[in-house]
Amino acid sequence: MPTRAERPAAQMPIPAHGAAALPAVIVDEYSTELRSQDGFLGDQASNTAFKAMLEWWRKRLRKLDSDPLGDTPLEAISRRQLDDVLREGDPEAAGLVHGVVEEFAQNLARVLRRLLHTKAWKGVERIAVGGGMRGSRVGEIAIGRAALLLKDEGETAELAPIRHDPDEAGLIGGLHLAPPWIFAGHDGALAVDIGGSNIRTGIVCARLKKAPDLSAAEVRDSELWRHADDSPKRDEAIERLVDMLRDLARKAEKRDFNLAPFVAVGCPGRIREDGGIERGAQNLPGNWETSRFNLPGRIREGLPEIGGHETVVVLHNDAVVQGLSQAPFMQDVRRWGVVTIGTGLGNAVFTNRRPED
């Protein structure tokens, strides 16, 4: 019987929604839930947790003297502003941010240590850290400090920021949900990254001639909608998402960019084989977990064809998809994982496929 490497690419099937066996990796586990006395341990190492720590210290300092960050409300302080404070802010303001970064890094190291001691994560050699915080100097310092803490505690798994810009990793990783034959005669595909605060859509160029392993894939165009600001109902959010995809499809056609009839979608939660969301979508607008709602089906209804061919939609967990963007750069290890620091803390663990798998 021919090995996987010897089988024609056309024989590789399109993975099911939430599939464990993907073209390049086996998804061993994702959305591992770690509990503590105070609830889910992962909630202590999310972007939400970082903001809560910062606000706690600001309130405490106001009672003692004054807030080094002034009267600016928390929601108006961006990660870029915090980066500027670290670089050129006054010593007390910089000290405040450094203190919060240290506290957050301690929590992140604690969560990662617990993950590494679970059965699913045993033997993981490297962990990529993605999500929104990865895109800031504050986040990078927190990741670096957590890495040092893990080393000091005797953990051997390496810790490093994800390779791609975190705003693009969740789109680029979507191409790894498709077997190679999907891109025959096509330039790339549409991808969707759904988060607790934002929905991002993009045109992703596969660039297979430059790198058949998708390591050179890049986002050519993208659209972002911060749904958390608008508080839409679920159906309103889906309509907006489909409109974003249609708009990108029109742009691709005008630019003679030949889209494959494939849409990759990353979404929070446990994904069922039929495309339903079992649990974990509580931060999304409305009820996405009911059996009467099917996200891939709704996307196909709104975008039934691409380039004259029937649209194929594949849905997987958003941390899995973001992690897949890192797959070409993890070939020197066997088992690896990803954590994504966003509204919540996502996680996934992978084993690289060998030809005989």
Protein backbone atom coordinates (compact mmCIF):
# COMPACT_ATOMS: atom_id res chain seq x y z
CA MET A 1 0.00 0.00 0.00
CA PRO A 2 1.45 3.43 -0.88
CA THR A 3 2.45 5.71 1.98
CA ARG A 4 0.78 9.07 2.52
CA ALA A 5 3.70 10.76 0.81
CA GLU A 6 3.35 8.48 -2.22
CA ARG A 7 -0.42 8.81 -2.62
CA PRO A 8 -1.58 11.32 -5.21
CA ALA A 9 -2.55 14.64 -3.64
CA ALA A 10 -5.97 14.34 -5.27
CA GLN A 11 -6.72 11.33 -3.04
CA MET A 12 -6.36 13.32 0.20
CA PRO A 13 -9.87 14.06 1.45
CA ILE A 14 -11.09 17.39 2.77
CA PRO A 15 -10.94 17.18 6.57
CA ALA A 16 -14.17 17.16 8.55
CA HIS A 17 -15.02 20.09 10.79
CA GLY A 18 -12.92 19.94 13.95
CA ALA A 19 -10.91 17.02 12.54
CA ALA A 20 -8.01 15.50 14.46
CA ALA A 21 -6.17 14.30 11.32
CA LEU A 22 -5.10 17.25 9.16
CA PRO A 23 -2.72 17.21 6.16
CA ALA A 24 0.40 18.16 8.16
CA VAL A 25 -0.44 17.33 11.79
CA ILE A 26 -2.54 15.34 14.18
CA VAL A 27 -4.47 17.56 16.59
CA ASP A 28 -4.01 15.65 19.84
CA GLU A 29 -6.18 17.96 21.95
CA TYR A 30 -7.45 21.51 22.09
CA SER A 31 -9.35 23.75 24.50
CA THR A 32 -7.97 21.84 27.47
CA GLU A 33 -9.78 23.18 30.54
CA LEU A 34 -7.71 23.67 33.68
CA ARG A 35 -9.63 24.37 36.87
CA SER A 36 -8.55 26.02 40.10
CA GLN A 37 -10.42 26.99 43.27
CA ASP A 38 -11.29 30.30 41.62
CA GLY A 39 -12.61 28.79 38.37
CA PHE A 40 -10.83 28.18 35.09
CA LEU A 41 -7.07 28.62 35.51
CA GLY A 42 -6.70 29.83 31.92
CA ASP A 43 -8.79 32.89 32.74
CA GLN A 44 -5.89 34.13 34.86
CA ALA A 45 -3.62 34.40 31.80
CA SER A 46 -5.86 36.11 29.25
CA ASN A 47 -5.89 39.62 27.87
CA THR A 48 -8.93 40.23 30.07
CA ALA A 49 -6.92 39.14 33.12
CA PHE A 50 -4.04 41.47 32.20
CA LYS A 51 -6.41 44.44 32.01
CA ALA A 52 -7.99 43.47 35.33
CA MET A 53 -4.56 43.36 36.99
CA LEU A 54 -3.67 46.76 35.57
CA GLU A 55 -6.93 48.31 36.77
CA TRP A 56 -6.57 46.74 40.23
CA TRP A 57 -3.18 48.39 40.71
CA ARG A 58 -4.39 51.72 39.35
CA LYS A 59 -7.28 51.82 41.85
CA ARG A 60 -4.94 50.88 44.70
CA LEU A 61 -2.46 53.60 43.75
CA ARG A 62 -5.23 56.21 43.54
CA LYS A 63 -6.11 55.47 47.17
CA LEU A 64 -2.48 55.78 48.23
CA ASP A 65 -1.45 58.75 46.11
CA SER A 66 -2.14 59.05 42.37
CA ASP A 67 -2.41 56.92 39.28
CA PRO A 68 0.83 57.08 37.22
CA LEU A 69 -1.26 56.53 34.08
CA GLY A 70 -3.49 59.52 34.84
CA ASP A 71 -7.23 59.66 34.38
CA THR A 72 -7.39 57.73 31.10
CA PRO A 73 -10.04 55.00 31.42
CA LEU A 74 -8.84 51.43 31.06
CA GLU A 75 -10.73 50.76 27.83
CA ALA A 76 -8.98 53.73 26.20
CA ILE A 77 -5.46 52.45 26.96
CA SER A 78 -4.05 50.45 24.05
CA ARG A 79 -1.19 47.97 24.11
CA ARG A 80 0.79 50.42 21.97
CA GLN A 81 0.39 53.07 24.67
CA LEU A 82 1.63 50.64 27.30
CA ASP A 83 4.60 49.85 25.06
CA ASP A 84 5.36 53.59 24.90
CA VAL A 85 5.19 53.82 28.69
CA LEU A 86 7.80 51.06 28.96
CA ARG A 87 10.09 52.81 26.51
CA GLU A 88 9.78 56.45 27.51
CA GLY A 89 7.23 56.86 30.31
CA ASP A 90 8.12 58.28 33.71
CA PRO A 91 9.66 55.78 36.15
CA GLU A 92 6.50 55.21 38.23
CA ALA A 93 4.31 54.61 35.19
CA ALA A 94 6.89 52.25 33.69
CA GLY A 95 7.23 50.53 37.06
CA LEU A 96 3.47 50.01 37.20
CA VAL A 97 3.41 48.37 33.76
CA HIS A 98 6.48 46.25 34.57
CA GLY A 99 4.82 45.06 37.77
CA VAL A 100 1.66 44.00 35.96
CA VAL A 101 3.75 42.25 33.28
CA GLU A 102 5.57 40.31 36.00
CA GLU A 103 2.33 39.28 37.69
CA PHE A 104 0.84 38.23 34.38
CA ALA A 105 3.98 36.26 33.45
CA GLN A 106 3.76 34.38 36.74
CA ASN A 107 0.17 33.41 35.91
CA LEU A 108 1.08 32.42 32.35
CA ALA A 109 3.94 30.22 33.58
CA ARG A 110 1.57 28.59 36.08
CA VAL A 111 -0.97 27.78 33.36
CA LEU A 112 1.68 26.43 30.99
CA ARG A 113 3.18 24.27 33.71
CA ARG A 114 -0.24 22.76 34.41
CA LEU A 115 -0.78 22.14 30.70
CA LEU A 116 2.59 20.45 30.33
CA HIS A 117 1.69 18.09 33.18
CA THR A 118 -1.55 16.92 31.55
CA LYS A 119 -1.63 13.65 29.64
CA ALA A 120 -2.34 15.31 26.30
CA TRP A 121 0.63 17.69 26.59
CA LYS A 122 3.16 15.15 27.83
CA GLY A 123 6.31 15.25 25.71
CA VAL A 124 5.65 18.65 24.12
CA GLU A 125 8.98 20.13 23.06
CA ARG A 126 7.99 23.65 22.06
CA ILE A 127 5.08 26.04 22.65
CA ALA A 128 4.22 28.92 20.35
CA VAL A 129 2.42 31.86 21.97
CA GLY A 130 -0.03 33.78 19.82
CA GLY A 131 -3.09 35.96 20.29
CA GLY A 132 -3.44 39.70 20.60
CA MET A 133 -0.91 40.24 23.39
CA ARG A 134 1.77 38.60 21.25
CA GLY A 135 1.62 41.69 19.01
CA SER A 136 2.98 44.09 21.65
CA ARG A 137 6.27 44.63 23.46
CA VAL A 138 4.39 44.19 26.73
CA GLY A 139 3.23 40.78 25.55
CA GLU A 140 6.66 39.76 24.29
CA ILE A 141 8.24 40.64 27.64
CA ALA A 142 5.57 38.63 29.46
CA ILE A 143 6.26 35.64 27.20
CA GLY A 144 10.01 35.96 27.74
CA ARG A 145 9.63 36.21 31.49
CA ALA A 146 7.30 33.18 31.56
CA ALA A 147 9.90 31.23 29.56
CA LEU A 148 12.56 32.02 32.17
CA LEU A 149 10.25 30.99 34.99
CA LEU A 150 9.54 27.65 33.31
CA LYS A 151 13.27 27.02 32.78
CA ASP A 152 13.95 27.80 36.43
CA GLU A 153 11.34 25.22 37.42
CA GLY A 154 13.01 22.54 35.28
CA GLU A 155 10.57 22.50 32.37
CA THR A 156 12.28 21.56 29.11
CA ALA A 157 9.66 22.82 26.62
CA GLU A 158 10.77 25.90 24.72
CA LEU A 159 8.51 28.96 24.68
CA ALA A 160 8.50 31.46 21.83
CA PRO A 161 6.21 34.04 20.18
CA ILE A 162 4.32 32.73 17.15
CA ARG A 163 6.12 33.51 13.88
CA HIS A 164 3.40 35.46 12.04
CA ASP A 165 1.76 38.68 13.09
CA PRO A 166 -1.02 37.53 15.48
CA ASP A 167 -3.60 39.43 13.42
CA GLU A 168 -2.67 37.29 10.41
CA ALA A 169 -1.75 33.93 11.95
CA GLY A 170 -5.40 32.95 12.40
CA LEU A 171 -6.00 33.55 8.68
CA ILE A 172 -2.81 31.95 7.34
CA GLY A 173 -3.32 28.86 9.50
CA GLY A 174 -6.65 28.26 7.79
CA LEU A 175 -4.93 27.15 4.59
CA HIS A 176 -3.50 24.18 6.51
CA LEU A 177 -7.06 22.84 6.89
CA ALA A 178 -7.15 22.10 3.16
CA PRO A 179 -5.42 19.25 1.29
CA PRO A 180 -2.89 20.52 -1.30
CA TRP A 181 -5.06 19.68 -4.31
CA ILE A 182 -7.52 22.41 -3.26
CA PHE A 183 -5.03 25.01 -4.46
CA ALA A 184 -4.27 23.44 -7.85
CA GLY A 185 -4.76 26.21 -10.38
CA HIS A 186 -5.64 28.71 -7.67
CA ASP A 187 -3.73 31.51 -5.95
CA GLY A 188 -5.18 31.14 -2.47
CA ALA A 189 -8.39 31.15 -0.47
CA LEU A 190 -10.62 33.09 1.88
CA ALA A 191 -10.17 32.69 5.63
CA VAL A 192 -12.05 33.80 8.72
CA ASP A 193 -10.78 34.32 12.27
CA ILE A 194 -13.58 34.75 14.83
CA GLY A 195 -12.69 35.95 18.31
CA GLY A 196 -14.42 37.14 21.43
CA SER A 197 -13.99 40.78 20.39
CA ASN A 198 -13.25 40.78 16.65
CA ILE A 199 -14.11 39.05 13.41
CA ARG A 200 -11.38 39.20 10.80
CA THR A 201 -11.64 37.96 7.21
CA GLY A 202 -8.87 37.78 4.66
CA ILE A 203 -7.57 36.76 1.26
CA VAL A 204 -4.61 34.45 1.87
CA CYS A 205 -2.12 33.79 -0.91
CA ALA A 206 -0.75 30.24 -0.74
CA ARG A 207 2.50 30.95 -2.68
CA LEU A 208 3.06 27.22 -3.14
CA LYS A 209 5.64 27.73 -5.88
CA LYS A 210 7.86 29.51 -3.39
CA ALA A 211 7.17 27.11 -0.50
CA PRO A 212 5.02 23.96 -0.90
CA ASP A 213 4.70 23.71 2.91
CA LEU A 214 2.80 27.04 3.05
CA SER A 215 5.61 28.68 5.02
CA ALA A 216 5.54 31.60 2.58
CA ALA A 217 1.74 32.07 2.68
CA GLU A 218 0.70 35.65 3.27
CA VAL A 219 -2.42 37.76 3.78
CA ARG A 220 -3.04 39.90 0.70
CA ASP A 221 -6.09 41.76 1.98
CA SER A 222 -8.21 41.68 5.12
CA GLU A 223 -11.19 43.25 6.82
CA LEU A 224 -11.75 43.67 10.55
CA TRP A 225 -14.96 44.19 12.48
CA ARG A 226 -14.85 44.71 16.23
CA HIS A 227 -18.23 43.18 17.05
CA ALA A 228 -17.74 43.78 20.78
CA ASP A 229 -18.32 47.50 20.15
CA ASP A 230 -21.63 46.94 18.35
CA SER A 231 -23.20 44.17 20.48
CA PRO A 232 -25.01 42.57 17.51
CA LYS A 233 -27.39 39.65 17.64
CA ARG A 234 -26.03 36.35 16.31
CA ASP A 235 -27.78 36.53 12.95
CA GLU A 236 -26.67 40.14 12.49
CA ALA A 237 -23.09 39.05 13.14
CA ILE A 238 -23.35 36.25 10.55
CA GLU A 239 -24.80 38.63 7.96
CA ARG A 240 -21.91 41.02 8.55
CA LEU A 241 -19.40 38.15 8.30
CA VAL A 242 -20.87 36.95 4.99
CA ASP A 243 -20.86 40.51 3.63
CA MET A 244 -17.16 40.77 4.49
CA LEU A 245 -16.43 37.54 2.60
CA ARG A 246 -18.45 38.64 -0.42
CA ASP A 247 -16.58 41.95 -0.47
CA LEU A 248 -13.21 40.17 -0.42
CA ALA A 249 -14.33 37.76 -3.15
CA ARG A 250 -15.24 40.74 -5.35
CA LYS A 251 -11.88 42.36 -4.68
CA ALA A 252 -10.07 39.15 -5.60
CA GLU A 253 -11.98 38.91 -8.87
CA LYS A 254 -11.17 42.51 -9.79
CA ARG A 255 -7.48 41.86 -9.13
CA ASP A 256 -7.46 38.60 -11.12
CA PHE A 257 -6.63 36.72 -7.94
CA ASN A 258 -7.92 33.18 -8.52
CA LEU A 259 -9.61 32.07 -5.30
CA ALA A 260 -10.02 28.38 -4.53
CA PRO A 261 -13.65 27.48 -3.70
CA PHE A 262 -12.66 27.05 -0.05
CA VAL A 263 -13.28 29.06 3.11
CA ALA A 264 -11.31 28.24 6.26
CA VAL A 265 -12.89 29.34 9.54
CA GLY A 266 -11.37 29.49 13.01
CA CYS A 267 -13.88 29.92 15.85
CA PRO A 268 -13.77 29.57 19.64
CA GLY A 269 -15.18 26.38 21.12
CA ARG A 270 -15.28 22.63 20.73
CA ILE A 271 -16.20 21.89 17.12
CA ARG A 272 -18.39 18.93 16.18
CA GLU A 273 -17.92 16.96 12.97
CA ASP A 274 -21.16 18.37 11.58
CA GLY A 275 -19.90 21.95 12.03
CA GLY A 276 -21.86 22.63 15.22
CA ILE A 277 -20.22 24.22 18.24
CA GLU A 278 -20.47 22.05 21.32
CA ARG A 279 -19.28 24.53 23.95
CA GLY A 280 -16.84 27.40 24.48
CA ALA A 281 -18.50 30.07 22.32
CA GLN A 282 -19.90 32.07 25.24
CA ASN A 283 -17.96 35.22 24.31
CA LEU A 284 -19.57 35.40 20.86
CA PRO A 285 -22.71 37.47 20.19
CA GLY A 286 -25.83 35.38 20.81
CA ASN A 287 -26.16 31.61 21.10
CA TRP A 288 -23.73 29.82 18.76
CA GLU A 289 -23.97 26.50 20.61
CA THR A 290 -27.57 25.56 19.83
CA SER A 291 -28.06 22.51 17.60
CA ARG A 292 -30.25 24.66 15.34
CA PHE A 293 -27.27 26.81 14.30
CA ASN A 294 -24.58 25.67 11.88
CA LEU A 295 -21.92 28.24 11.03
CA PRO A 296 -20.43 26.49 7.94
CA GLY A 297 -23.94 26.04 6.55
CA ARG A 298 -24.77 29.70 7.04
CA ILE A 299 -21.57 30.74 5.25
CA ARG A 300 -22.32 28.40 2.32
CA GLU A 301 -25.82 29.85 2.07
CA GLY A 302 -24.43 33.36 1.82
CA LEU A 303 -21.54 32.45 -0.47
CA PRO A 304 -22.68 29.34 -2.39
CA GLU A 305 -20.07 29.60 -5.16
CA ILE A 306 -16.56 30.93 -5.63
CA GLY A 307 -15.24 31.17 -9.17
CA GLY A 308 -18.13 29.12 -10.50
CA HIS A 309 -17.49 26.19 -8.13
CA GLU A 310 -19.46 25.11 -5.08
CA THR A 311 -18.00 26.59 -1.91
CA VAL A 312 -16.42 24.25 0.64
CA VAL A 313 -16.26 25.53 4.23
CA VAL A 314 -14.14 23.90 6.93
CA LEU A 315 -14.48 24.99 10.55
CA HIS A 316 -12.03 24.36 13.37
CA ASN A 317 -11.15 25.80 16.76
CA ASP A 318 -9.47 29.21 16.54
CA ALA A 319 -6.43 28.24 18.63
CA VAL A 320 -5.92 25.16 16.43
CA VAL A 321 -6.06 27.29 13.29
CA GLN A 322 -3.70 29.92 14.65
CA GLY A 323 -1.32 27.17 15.71
CA LEU A 324 -1.40 25.63 12.22
CA SER A 325 0.28 28.76 10.85
CA GLN A 326 3.32 27.69 12.86
CA ALA A 327 3.40 24.11 11.51
CA PRO A 328 6.07 24.69 8.81
CA PHE A 329 8.41 26.09 11.47
CA MET A 330 7.97 23.17 13.88
CA GLN A 331 9.41 20.42 11.71
CA ASP A 332 12.47 19.99 13.93
CA VAL A 333 10.31 18.70 16.80
CA ARG A 334 7.75 15.92 16.99
CA ARG A 335 5.19 17.28 19.47
CA TRP A 336 4.39 20.93 20.00
CA GLY A 337 1.65 23.19 21.25
CA VAL A 338 0.18 26.65 20.98
CA VAL A 339 -1.51 29.00 23.44
CA THR A 340 -3.34 32.11 22.27
CA ILE A 341 -3.73 35.05 24.63
CA GLY A 342 -6.89 36.89 23.69
CA THR A 343 -10.26 37.54 25.32
CA GLY A 344 -9.70 34.07 26.77
CA LEU A 345 -6.74 31.70 26.71
CA GLY A 346 -6.90 29.20 23.84
CA ASN A 347 -4.67 26.15 23.55
CA ALA A 348 -3.95 23.22 21.27
CA VAL A 349 -1.34 20.47 21.05
CA PHE A 350 -0.10 18.77 17.87
CA THR A 351 1.98 15.86 16.65
CA ASN A 352 3.66 16.30 13.27
CA ARG A 353 2.58 13.68 10.74
CA ARG A 354 5.15 11.33 9.25
CA PRO A 355 4.76 9.84 5.75
CA GLU A 356 3.39 6.60 7.18
CA ASP A 357 0.71 8.36 9.30
